[in-house]
């Protein structure tokens, strides 16, 4: 099983939000901080594919876990607070009108 890998500034999808990344022979240098670019510490690190996770982990290297559920498992809780719908505005007015019509 493949381990998740840390994002590196040498990746083609890596982008610096301040455009401060300077590519050198020995690595990527941050002009803003005058040191080597570290994705974990940088607040301006971005991914053009939107795969950058917290702690600087590349989302393309993470294996997804899926769980199959039966339709009955979705509605196991009979607690009315969990199953209640909260409506506002136009939807609430339409629903209250239909309830009033049923009383007649």
PDB file of N, CA and C in Angstrom:
ATOM      1  N   UNK A   1       0.848  -1.179   0.000  1.00  0.00           N
ATOM      2  CA  UNK A   1       0.000   0.000   0.000  1.00  0.00           C
ATOM      3  C   UNK A   1       0.894   1.243   0.000  1.00  0.00           C
ATOM      4  N   UNK A   2       0.580   2.201  -0.796  1.00  0.00           N
ATOM      5  CA  UNK A   2       1.375   3.419  -0.908  1.00  0.00           C
ATOM      6  C   UNK A   2       1.083   4.357   0.263  1.00  0.00           C
ATOM      7  N   UNK A   3       2.135   4.960   0.754  1.00  0.00           N
ATOM      8  CA  UNK A   3       2.010   5.927   1.829  1.00  0.00           C
ATOM      9  C   UNK A   3       1.692   7.299   1.239  1.00  0.00           C
ATOM     10  N   UNK A   4       1.081   8.149   2.047  1.00  0.00           N
ATOM     11  CA  UNK A   4       0.838   9.506   1.579  1.00  0.00           C
ATOM     12  C   UNK A   4       2.154  10.272   1.615  1.00  0.00           C
ATOM     13  N   UNK A   5       2.364  11.110   0.627  1.00  0.00           N
ATOM     14  CA  UNK A   5       3.625  11.833   0.503  1.00  0.00           C
ATOM     15  C   UNK A   5       3.406  13.314   0.762  1.00  0.00           C
ATOM     16  N   UNK A   6       4.446  13.954   1.234  1.00  0.00           N
ATOM     17  CA  UNK A   6       4.397  15.393   1.470  1.00  0.00           C
ATOM     18  C   UNK A   6       4.518  16.125   0.135  1.00  0.00           C
ATOM     19  N   UNK A   7       3.857  17.244   0.040  1.00  0.00           N
ATOM     20  CA  UNK A   7       3.936  18.063  -1.168  1.00  0.00           C
ATOM     21  C   UNK A   7       5.300  18.729  -1.223  1.00  0.00           C
ATOM     22  N   UNK A   8       5.854  18.818  -2.397  1.00  0.00           N
ATOM     23  CA  UNK A   8       7.151  19.466  -2.545  1.00  0.00           C
ATOM     24  C   UNK A   8       7.011  20.662  -3.475  1.00  0.00           C
ATOM     25  N   UNK A   9       7.806  21.694  -3.266  1.00  0.00           N
ATOM     26  CA  UNK A   9       7.725  22.870  -4.135  1.00  0.00           C
ATOM     27  C   UNK A   9       8.202  22.611  -5.557  1.00  0.00           C
ATOM     28  N   UNK A  10       8.870  21.486  -5.792  1.00  0.00           N
ATOM     29  CA  UNK A  10       9.318  21.172  -7.141  1.00  0.00           C
ATOM     30  C   UNK A  10       8.220  20.523  -7.976  1.00  0.00           C
ATOM     31  N   UNK A  11       7.055  20.277  -7.400  1.00  0.00           N
ATOM     32  CA  UNK A  11       5.923  19.698  -8.121  1.00  0.00           C
ATOM     33  C   UNK A  11       5.409  20.683  -9.163  1.00  0.00           C
ATOM     34  N   UNK A  12       4.934  20.183 -10.283  1.00  0.00           N
ATOM     35  CA  UNK A  12       4.444  21.062 -11.347  1.00  0.00           C
ATOM     36  C   UNK A  12       3.125  21.737 -10.973  1.00  0.00           C
ATOM     37  N   UNK A  13       2.384  21.175 -10.015  1.00  0.00           N
ATOM     38  CA  UNK A  13       1.109  21.757  -9.590  1.00  0.00           C
ATOM     39  C   UNK A  13       1.266  22.751  -8.446  1.00  0.00           C
ATOM     40  N   UNK A  14       2.440  22.849  -7.860  1.00  0.00           N
ATOM     41  CA  UNK A  14       2.676  23.748  -6.730  1.00  0.00           C
ATOM     42  C   UNK A  14       2.693  25.193  -7.187  1.00  0.00           C
ATOM     43  N   UNK A  15       2.030  26.063  -6.440  1.00  0.00           N
ATOM     44  CA  UNK A  15       2.015  27.502  -6.721  1.00  0.00           C
ATOM     45  C   UNK A  15       2.241  28.262  -5.415  1.00  0.00           C
ATOM     46  N   UNK A  16       2.939  29.360  -5.520  1.00  0.00           N
ATOM     47  CA  UNK A  16       3.140  30.246  -4.374  1.00  0.00           C
ATOM     48  C   UNK A  16       2.147  31.397  -4.501  1.00  0.00           C
ATOM     49  N   UNK A  17       1.380  31.663  -3.452  1.00  0.00           N
ATOM     50  CA  UNK A  17       0.366  32.709  -3.481  1.00  0.00           C
ATOM     51  C   UNK A  17       0.945  34.104  -3.610  1.00  0.00           C
ATOM     52  N   UNK A  18       2.181  34.288  -3.180  1.00  0.00           N
ATOM     53  CA  UNK A  18       2.828  35.597  -3.269  1.00  0.00           C
ATOM     54  C   UNK A  18       3.779  35.701  -4.454  1.00  0.00           C
ATOM     55  N   UNK A  19       3.855  34.657  -5.254  1.00  0.00           N
ATOM     56  CA  UNK A  19       4.810  34.578  -6.364  1.00  0.00           C
ATOM     57  C   UNK A  19       6.237  34.817  -5.874  1.00  0.00           C
ATOM     58  N   UNK A  20       6.557  34.236  -4.720  1.00  0.00           N
ATOM     59  CA  UNK A  20       7.879  34.420  -4.125  1.00  0.00           C
ATOM     60  C   UNK A  20       8.767  33.201  -4.304  1.00  0.00           C
ATOM     61  N   UNK A  21       8.300  32.175  -4.997  1.00  0.00           N
ATOM     62  CA  UNK A  21       9.102  30.971  -5.199  1.00  0.00           C
ATOM     63  C   UNK A  21      10.127  31.213  -6.303  1.00  0.00           C
ATOM     64  N   UNK A  22      11.383  30.957  -5.991  1.00  0.00           N
ATOM     65  CA  UNK A  22      12.473  31.150  -6.927  1.00  0.00           C
ATOM     66  C   UNK A  22      13.146  29.804  -7.131  1.00  0.00           C
ATOM     67  N   UNK A  23      13.109  29.297  -8.360  1.00  0.00           N
ATOM     68  CA  UNK A  23      13.644  27.979  -8.653  1.00  0.00           C
ATOM     69  C   UNK A  23      15.143  28.084  -8.927  1.00  0.00           C
ATOM     70  N   UNK A  24      15.923  27.360  -8.110  1.00  0.00           N
ATOM     71  CA  UNK A  24      17.366  27.300  -8.259  1.00  0.00           C
ATOM     72  C   UNK A  24      17.779  25.869  -8.587  1.00  0.00           C
ATOM     73  N   UNK A  25      19.078  25.682  -8.813  1.00  0.00           N
ATOM     74  CA  UNK A  25      19.574  24.338  -9.093  1.00  0.00           C
ATOM     75  C   UNK A  25      19.417  23.411  -7.898  1.00  0.00           C
ATOM     76  N   UNK A  26      19.673  23.916  -6.698  1.00  0.00           N
ATOM     77  CA  UNK A  26      19.667  23.080  -5.504  1.00  0.00           C
ATOM     78  C   UNK A  26      18.296  22.982  -4.833  1.00  0.00           C
ATOM     79  N   UNK A  27      17.291  23.692  -5.287  1.00  0.00           N
ATOM     80  CA  UNK A  27      15.959  23.613  -4.696  1.00  0.00           C
ATOM     81  C   UNK A  27      15.147  24.866  -4.988  1.00  0.00           C
ATOM     82  N   UNK A  28      14.067  25.003  -4.258  1.00  0.00           N
ATOM     83  CA  UNK A  28      13.189  26.158  -4.443  1.00  0.00           C
ATOM     84  C   UNK A  28      13.405  27.116  -3.278  1.00  0.00           C
ATOM     85  N   UNK A  29      13.708  28.346  -3.595  1.00  0.00           N
ATOM     86  CA  UNK A  29      14.016  29.371  -2.612  1.00  0.00           C
ATOM     87  C   UNK A  29      12.846  30.335  -2.491  1.00  0.00           C
ATOM     88  N   UNK A  30      12.515  30.720  -1.272  1.00  0.00           N
ATOM     89  CA  UNK A  30      11.429  31.679  -1.027  1.00  0.00           C
ATOM     90  C   UNK A  30      12.037  33.067  -0.890  1.00  0.00           C
ATOM     91  N   UNK A  31      11.687  33.965  -1.804  1.00  0.00           N
ATOM     92  CA  UNK A  31      12.218  35.329  -1.748  1.00  0.00           C
ATOM     93  C   UNK A  31      11.619  36.105  -0.577  1.00  0.00           C
ATOM     94  N   UNK A  32      10.431  35.743  -0.159  1.00  0.00           N
ATOM     95  CA  UNK A  32       9.761  36.453   0.928  1.00  0.00           C
ATOM     96  C   UNK A  32      10.419  36.166   2.273  1.00  0.00           C
ATOM     97  N   UNK A  33      10.788  34.910   2.510  1.00  0.00           N
ATOM     98  CA  UNK A  33      11.375  34.533   3.794  1.00  0.00           C
ATOM     99  C   UNK A  33      12.878  34.370   3.764  1.00  0.00           C
ATOM    100  N   UNK A  34      13.507  34.505   2.594  1.00  0.00           N
ATOM    101  CA  UNK A  34      14.954  34.331   2.410  1.00  0.00           C
ATOM    102  C   UNK A  34      15.443  32.991   2.962  1.00  0.00           C
ATOM    103  N   UNK A  35      14.747  31.928   2.614  1.00  0.00           N
ATOM    104  CA  UNK A  35      15.130  30.570   3.005  1.00  0.00           C
ATOM    105  C   UNK A  35      14.527  29.596   2.003  1.00  0.00           C
ATOM    106  N   UNK A  36      14.852  28.319   2.165  1.00  0.00           N
ATOM    107  CA  UNK A  36      14.269  27.305   1.282  1.00  0.00           C
ATOM    108  C   UNK A  36      12.766  27.204   1.546  1.00  0.00           C
ATOM    109  N   UNK A  37      12.017  26.964   0.497  1.00  0.00           N
ATOM    110  CA  UNK A  37      10.562  26.889   0.597  1.00  0.00           C
ATOM    111  C   UNK A  37      10.152  25.595   1.298  1.00  0.00           C
ATOM    112  N   UNK A  38       9.380  25.726   2.363  1.00  0.00           N
ATOM    113  CA  UNK A  38       8.819  24.568   3.054  1.00  0.00           C
ATOM    114  C   UNK A  38       7.300  24.698   2.991  1.00  0.00           C
ATOM    115  N   UNK A  39       6.664  23.716   2.412  1.00  0.00           N
ATOM    116  CA  UNK A  39       5.222  23.761   2.174  1.00  0.00           C
ATOM    117  C   UNK A  39       4.446  23.742   3.479  1.00  0.00           C
ATOM    118  N   UNK A  40       4.938  23.010   4.462  1.00  0.00           N
ATOM    119  CA  UNK A  40       4.218  22.863   5.733  1.00  0.00           C
ATOM    120  C   UNK A  40       4.115  24.196   6.469  1.00  0.00           C
ATOM    121  N   UNK A  41       5.177  24.986   6.464  1.00  0.00           N
ATOM    122  CA  UNK A  41       5.208  26.244   7.217  1.00  0.00           C
ATOM    123  C   UNK A  41       4.616  27.421   6.447  1.00  0.00           C
ATOM    124  N   UNK A  42       4.576  27.339   5.143  1.00  0.00           N
ATOM    125  CA  UNK A  42       4.159  28.473   4.307  1.00  0.00           C
ATOM    126  C   UNK A  42       2.638  28.609   4.275  1.00  0.00           C
ATOM    127  N   UNK A  43       2.149  29.809   4.482  1.00  0.00           N
ATOM    128  CA  UNK A  43       0.710  30.055   4.419  1.00  0.00           C
ATOM    129  C   UNK A  43       0.249  30.365   3.001  1.00  0.00           C
ATOM    130  N   UNK A  44       1.189  30.608   2.094  1.00  0.00           N
ATOM    131  CA  UNK A  44       0.842  30.959   0.722  1.00  0.00           C
ATOM    132  C   UNK A  44       0.978  29.785  -0.246  1.00  0.00           C
ATOM    133  N   UNK A  45       1.305  28.594   0.268  1.00  0.00           N
ATOM    134  CA  UNK A  45       1.456  27.415  -0.589  1.00  0.00           C
ATOM    135  C   UNK A  45       0.097  26.989  -1.113  1.00  0.00           C
ATOM    136  N   UNK A  46       0.016  26.739  -2.415  1.00  0.00           N
ATOM    137  CA  UNK A  46      -1.235  26.329  -3.055  1.00  0.00           C
ATOM    138  C   UNK A  46      -0.950  25.222  -4.056  1.00  0.00           C
ATOM    139  N   UNK A  47      -1.999  24.524  -4.447  1.00  0.00           N
ATOM    140  CA  UNK A  47      -1.904  23.502  -5.482  1.00  0.00           C
ATOM    141  C   UNK A  47      -2.864  23.905  -6.594  1.00  0.00           C
ATOM    142  N   UNK A  48      -2.394  23.875  -7.834  1.00  0.00           N
ATOM    143  CA  UNK A  48      -3.263  24.265  -8.948  1.00  0.00           C
ATOM    144  C   UNK A  48      -4.367  23.234  -9.178  1.00  0.00           C
ATOM    145  N   UNK A  49      -4.164  21.995  -8.718  1.00  0.00           N
ATOM    146  CA  UNK A  49      -5.187  20.968  -8.838  1.00  0.00           C
ATOM    147  C   UNK A  49      -6.068  20.886  -7.595  1.00  0.00           C
ATOM    148  N   UNK A  50      -5.836  21.770  -6.631  1.00  0.00           N
ATOM    149  CA  UNK A  50      -6.574  21.826  -5.364  1.00  0.00           C
ATOM    150  C   UNK A  50      -6.497  20.505  -4.598  1.00  0.00           C
ATOM    151  N   UNK A  51      -5.300  19.951  -4.522  1.00  0.00           N
ATOM    152  CA  UNK A  51      -5.094  18.689  -3.837  1.00  0.00           C
ATOM    153  C   UNK A  51      -4.231  18.821  -2.586  1.00  0.00           C
ATOM    154  N   UNK A  52      -3.847  20.032  -2.200  1.00  0.00           N
ATOM    155  CA  UNK A  52      -2.989  20.237  -1.044  1.00  0.00           C
ATOM    156  C   UNK A  52      -3.820  20.125   0.230  1.00  0.00           C
ATOM    157  N   UNK A  53      -3.480  19.156   1.077  1.00  0.00           N
ATOM    158  CA  UNK A  53      -4.187  18.926   2.333  1.00  0.00           C
ATOM    159  C   UNK A  53      -3.435  19.595   3.475  1.00  0.00           C
ATOM    160  N   UNK A  54      -4.009  19.525   4.670  1.00  0.00           N
ATOM    161  CA  UNK A  54      -3.352  20.108   5.826  1.00  0.00           C
ATOM    162  C   UNK A  54      -2.054  19.366   6.117  1.00  0.00           C
ATOM    163  N   UNK A  55      -1.149  19.991   6.811  1.00  0.00           N
ATOM    164  CA  UNK A  55       0.193  19.495   7.114  1.00  0.00           C
ATOM    165  C   UNK A  55       1.013  19.250   5.850  1.00  0.00           C
ATOM    166  N   UNK A  56       0.666  19.880   4.737  1.00  0.00           N
ATOM    167  CA  UNK A  56       1.458  19.803   3.520  1.00  0.00           C
ATOM    168  C   UNK A  56       1.445  18.465   2.820  1.00  0.00           C
ATOM    169  N   UNK A  57       0.367  17.696   2.960  1.00  0.00           N
ATOM    170  CA  UNK A  57       0.271  16.382   2.337  1.00  0.00           C
ATOM    171  C   UNK A  57      -0.380  16.528   0.967  1.00  0.00           C
ATOM    172  N   UNK A  58       0.183  15.831  -0.012  1.00  0.00           N
ATOM    173  CA  UNK A  58      -0.364  15.855  -1.363  1.00  0.00           C
ATOM    174  C   UNK A  58      -1.595  14.951  -1.411  1.00  0.00           C
ATOM    175  N   UNK A  59      -2.717  15.486  -1.833  1.00  0.00           N
ATOM    176  CA  UNK A  59      -3.963  14.736  -1.881  1.00  0.00           C
ATOM    177  C   UNK A  59      -4.013  13.676  -2.960  1.00  0.00           C
ATOM    178  N   UNK A  60      -3.141  13.776  -3.951  1.00  0.00           N
ATOM    179  CA  UNK A  60      -3.133  12.772  -5.016  1.00  0.00           C
ATOM    180  C   UNK A  60      -2.478  11.472  -4.579  1.00  0.00           C
ATOM    181  N   UNK A  61      -1.715  11.504  -3.485  1.00  0.00           N
ATOM    182  CA  UNK A  61      -1.051  10.291  -3.009  1.00  0.00           C
ATOM    183  C   UNK A  61      -1.842   9.589  -1.917  1.00  0.00           C
ATOM    184  N   UNK A  62      -2.955  10.163  -1.479  1.00  0.00           N
ATOM    185  CA  UNK A  62      -3.760   9.583  -0.404  1.00  0.00           C
ATOM    186  C   UNK A  62      -4.766   8.609  -0.994  1.00  0.00           C
ATOM    187  N   UNK A  63      -4.847   7.447  -0.422  1.00  0.00           N
ATOM    188  CA  UNK A  63      -5.800   6.433  -0.871  1.00  0.00           C
ATOM    189  C   UNK A  63      -7.141   6.699  -0.186  1.00  0.00           C
ATOM    190  N   UNK A  64      -8.217   6.724  -0.948  1.00  0.00           N
ATOM    191  CA  UNK A  64      -9.550   6.960  -0.392  1.00  0.00           C
ATOM    192  C   UNK A  64     -10.099   5.698   0.235  1.00  0.00           C
ATOM    193  N   UNK A  65     -10.851   5.880   1.305  1.00  0.00           N
ATOM    194  CA  UNK A  65     -11.529   4.763   1.946  1.00  0.00           C
ATOM    195  C   UNK A  65     -13.022   4.933   1.706  1.00  0.00           C
ATOM    196  N   UNK A  66     -13.648   3.931   1.127  1.00  0.00           N
ATOM    197  CA  UNK A  66     -15.084   3.990   0.884  1.00  0.00           C
ATOM    198  C   UNK A  66     -15.763   2.884   1.666  1.00  0.00           C
ATOM    199  N   UNK A  67     -16.948   3.186   2.151  1.00  0.00           N
ATOM    200  CA  UNK A  67     -17.732   2.232   2.920  1.00  0.00           C
ATOM    201  C   UNK A  67     -19.081   2.102   2.234  1.00  0.00           C
ATOM    202  N   UNK A  68     -19.451   0.870   1.927  1.00  0.00           N
ATOM    203  CA  UNK A  68     -20.758   0.650   1.314  1.00  0.00           C
ATOM    204  C   UNK A  68     -21.811   0.528   2.408  1.00  0.00           C
ATOM    205  N   UNK A  69     -22.914   1.217   2.217  1.00  0.00           N
ATOM    206  CA  UNK A  69     -24.010   1.173   3.182  1.00  0.00           C
ATOM    207  C   UNK A  69     -25.284   0.760   2.470  1.00  0.00           C
ATOM    208  N   UNK A  70     -26.112   0.086   3.202  1.00  0.00           N
ATOM    209  CA  UNK A  70     -27.428  -0.272   2.705  1.00  0.00           C
ATOM    210  C   UNK A  70     -28.355   0.925   2.925  1.00  0.00           C
ATOM    211  N   UNK A  71     -29.419   1.065   2.126  1.00  0.00           N
ATOM    212  CA  UNK A  71     -30.320   2.213   2.297  1.00  0.00           C
ATOM    213  C   UNK A  71     -30.963   2.272   3.687  1.00  0.00           C
ATOM    214  N   UNK A  72     -31.142   1.129   4.340  1.00  0.00           N
ATOM    215  CA  UNK A  72     -31.743   1.131   5.676  1.00  0.00           C
ATOM    216  C   UNK A  72     -30.820   1.765   6.710  1.00  0.00           C
ATOM    217  N   UNK A  73     -29.531   1.724   6.498  1.00  0.00           N
ATOM    218  CA  UNK A  73     -28.582   2.252   7.461  1.00  0.00           C
ATOM    219  C   UNK A  73     -28.593   3.777   7.518  1.00  0.00           C
ATOM    220  N   UNK A  74     -29.064   4.437   6.493  1.00  0.00           N
ATOM    221  CA  UNK A  74     -29.079   5.886   6.488  1.00  0.00           C
ATOM    222  C   UNK A  74     -30.126   6.453   7.440  1.00  0.00           C
ATOM    223  N   UNK A  75     -31.214   5.725   7.666  1.00  0.00           N
ATOM    224  CA  UNK A  75     -32.316   6.236   8.466  1.00  0.00           C
ATOM    225  C   UNK A  75     -32.495   5.430   9.741  1.00  0.00           C
ATOM    226  N   UNK A  76     -31.395   5.054  10.399  1.00  0.00           N
ATOM    227  CA  UNK A  76     -31.491   4.267  11.614  1.00  0.00           C
ATOM    228  C   UNK A  76     -31.993   5.091  12.796  1.00  0.00           C
ATOM    229  N   UNK A  77     -31.598   6.343  12.888  1.00  0.00           N
ATOM    230  CA  UNK A  77     -31.973   7.157  14.039  1.00  0.00           C
ATOM    231  C   UNK A  77     -33.423   7.599  13.932  1.00  0.00           C
ATOM    232  N   UNK A  78     -34.185   7.348  14.983  1.00  0.00           N
ATOM    233  CA  UNK A  78     -35.580   7.774  15.018  1.00  0.00           C
ATOM    234  C   UNK A  78     -35.754   9.035  15.846  1.00  0.00           C
ATOM    235  N   UNK A  79     -34.683   9.677  16.193  1.00  0.00           N
ATOM    236  CA  UNK A  79     -34.740  10.899  16.975  1.00  0.00           C
ATOM    237  C   UNK A  79     -35.321  12.011  16.098  1.00  0.00           C
ATOM    238  N   UNK A  80     -36.438  12.650  16.499  1.00  0.00           N
ATOM    239  CA  UNK A  80     -37.052  13.678  15.651  1.00  0.00           C
ATOM    240  C   UNK A  80     -36.159  14.906  15.460  1.00  0.00           C
ATOM    241  N   UNK A  81     -35.267  15.173  16.407  1.00  0.00           N
ATOM    242  CA  UNK A  81     -34.380  16.326  16.248  1.00  0.00           C
ATOM    243  C   UNK A  81     -33.401  16.110  15.096  1.00  0.00           C
ATOM    244  N   UNK A  82     -32.964  14.869  14.907  1.00  0.00           N
ATOM    245  CA  UNK A  82     -32.026  14.580  13.830  1.00  0.00           C
ATOM    246  C   UNK A  82     -32.714  14.564  12.474  1.00  0.00           C
ATOM    247  N   UNK A  83     -33.972  14.166  12.422  1.00  0.00           N
ATOM    248  CA  UNK A  83     -34.688  14.043  11.159  1.00  0.00           C
ATOM    249  C   UNK A  83     -35.478  15.303  10.799  1.00  0.00           C
ATOM    250  N   UNK A  84     -35.494  16.304  11.658  1.00  0.00           N
ATOM    251  CA  UNK A  84     -36.276  17.506  11.410  1.00  0.00           C
ATOM    252  C   UNK A  84     -35.625  18.362  10.322  1.00  0.00           C
ATOM    253  N   UNK A  85     -36.479  18.949   9.480  1.00  0.00           N
ATOM    254  CA  UNK A  85     -35.992  19.863   8.449  1.00  0.00           C
ATOM    255  C   UNK A  85     -36.265  21.287   8.916  1.00  0.00           C
ATOM    256  N   UNK A  86     -35.308  22.148   8.700  1.00  0.00           N
ATOM    257  CA  UNK A  86     -35.471  23.552   9.048  1.00  0.00           C
ATOM    258  C   UNK A  86     -35.629  24.336   7.761  1.00  0.00           C
ATOM    259  N   UNK A  87     -36.801  24.954   7.587  1.00  0.00           N
ATOM    260  CA  UNK A  87     -37.082  25.705   6.375  1.00  0.00           C
ATOM    261  C   UNK A  87     -37.217  27.178   6.705  1.00  0.00           C
ATOM    262  N   UNK A  88     -36.873  28.010   5.730  1.00  0.00           N
ATOM    263  CA  UNK A  88     -37.003  29.453   5.894  1.00  0.00           C
ATOM    264  C   UNK A  88     -37.667  30.025   4.655  1.00  0.00           C
ATOM    265  N   UNK A  89     -38.246  31.176   4.809  1.00  0.00           N
ATOM    266  CA  UNK A  89     -38.732  31.959   3.685  1.00  0.00           C
ATOM    267  C   UNK A  89     -39.851  31.331   2.890  1.00  0.00           C
ATOM    268  N   UNK A  90     -39.658  31.315   1.571  1.00  0.00           N
ATOM    269  CA  UNK A  90     -40.696  30.909   0.633  1.00  0.00           C
ATOM    270  C   UNK A  90     -41.110  29.447   0.832  1.00  0.00           C
ATOM    271  N   UNK A  91     -40.160  28.570   1.073  1.00  0.00           N
ATOM    272  CA  UNK A  91     -40.475  27.151   1.257  1.00  0.00           C
ATOM    273  C   UNK A  91     -41.349  26.945   2.491  1.00  0.00           C
ATOM    274  N   UNK A  92     -41.058  27.677   3.561  1.00  0.00           N
ATOM    275  CA  UNK A  92     -41.852  27.559   4.781  1.00  0.00           C
ATOM    276  C   UNK A  92     -43.267  28.074   4.558  1.00  0.00           C
ATOM    277  N   UNK A  93     -43.406  29.169   3.832  1.00  0.00           N
ATOM    278  CA  UNK A  93     -44.746  29.714   3.558  1.00  0.00           C
ATOM    279  C   UNK A  93     -45.557  28.760   2.703  1.00  0.00           C
ATOM    280  N   UNK A  94     -44.927  28.157   1.692  1.00  0.00           N
ATOM    281  CA  UNK A  94     -45.654  27.218   0.838  1.00  0.00           C
ATOM    282  C   UNK A  94     -46.105  26.004   1.628  1.00  0.00           C
ATOM    283  N   UNK A  95     -45.253  25.494   2.474  1.00  0.00           N
ATOM    284  CA  UNK A  95     -45.599  24.319   3.273  1.00  0.00           C
ATOM    285  C   UNK A  95     -46.695  24.643   4.273  1.00  0.00           C
ATOM    286  N   UNK A  96     -46.640  25.821   4.886  1.00  0.00           N
ATOM    287  CA  UNK A  96     -47.665  26.172   5.873  1.00  0.00           C
ATOM    288  C   UNK A  96     -49.018  26.380   5.187  1.00  0.00           C
ATOM    289  N   UNK A  97     -49.042  26.865   3.940  1.00  0.00           N
ATOM    290  CA  UNK A  97     -50.293  27.005   3.202  1.00  0.00           C
ATOM    291  C   UNK A  97     -50.920  25.649   2.930  1.00  0.00           C
ATOM    292  N   UNK A  98     -50.112  24.674   2.538  1.00  0.00           N
ATOM    293  CA  UNK A  98     -50.631  23.330   2.250  1.00  0.00           C
ATOM    294  C   UNK A  98     -51.164  22.660   3.503  1.00  0.00           C
ATOM    295  N   UNK A  99     -50.555  22.919   4.654  1.00  0.00           N
ATOM    296  CA  UNK A  99     -51.051  22.342   5.901  1.00  0.00           C
ATOM    297  C   UNK A  99     -52.381  22.966   6.295  1.00  0.00           C
ATOM    298  N   UNK A 100     -52.540  24.280   6.014  1.00  0.00           N
ATOM    299  CA  UNK A 100     -53.797  24.948   6.319  1.00  0.00           C
ATOM    300  C   UNK A 100     -54.928  24.429   5.437  1.00  0.00           C
ATOM    301  N   UNK A 101     -54.651  24.108   4.162  1.00  0.00           N
ATOM    302  CA  UNK A 101     -55.665  23.599   3.253  1.00  0.00           C
ATOM    303  C   UNK A 101     -56.147  22.215   3.676  1.00  0.00           C
ATOM    304  N   UNK A 102     -55.292  21.434   4.300  1.00  0.00           N
ATOM    305  CA  UNK A 102     -55.671  20.090   4.715  1.00  0.00           C
ATOM    306  C   UNK A 102     -56.664  20.110   5.887  1.00  0.00           C
ATOM    307  N   UNK A 103     -56.678  21.201   6.663  1.00  0.00           N
ATOM    308  CA  UNK A 103     -57.566  21.262   7.818  1.00  0.00           C
ATOM    309  C   UNK A 103     -59.023  21.406   7.416  1.00  0.00           C
ATOM    310  N   UNK A 104     -59.310  21.934   6.258  1.00  0.00           N
ATOM    311  CA  UNK A 104     -60.700  22.159   5.866  1.00  0.00           C
ATOM    312  C   UNK A 104     -61.384  20.948   5.425  1.00  0.00           C
TER     313      UNK A 104
END
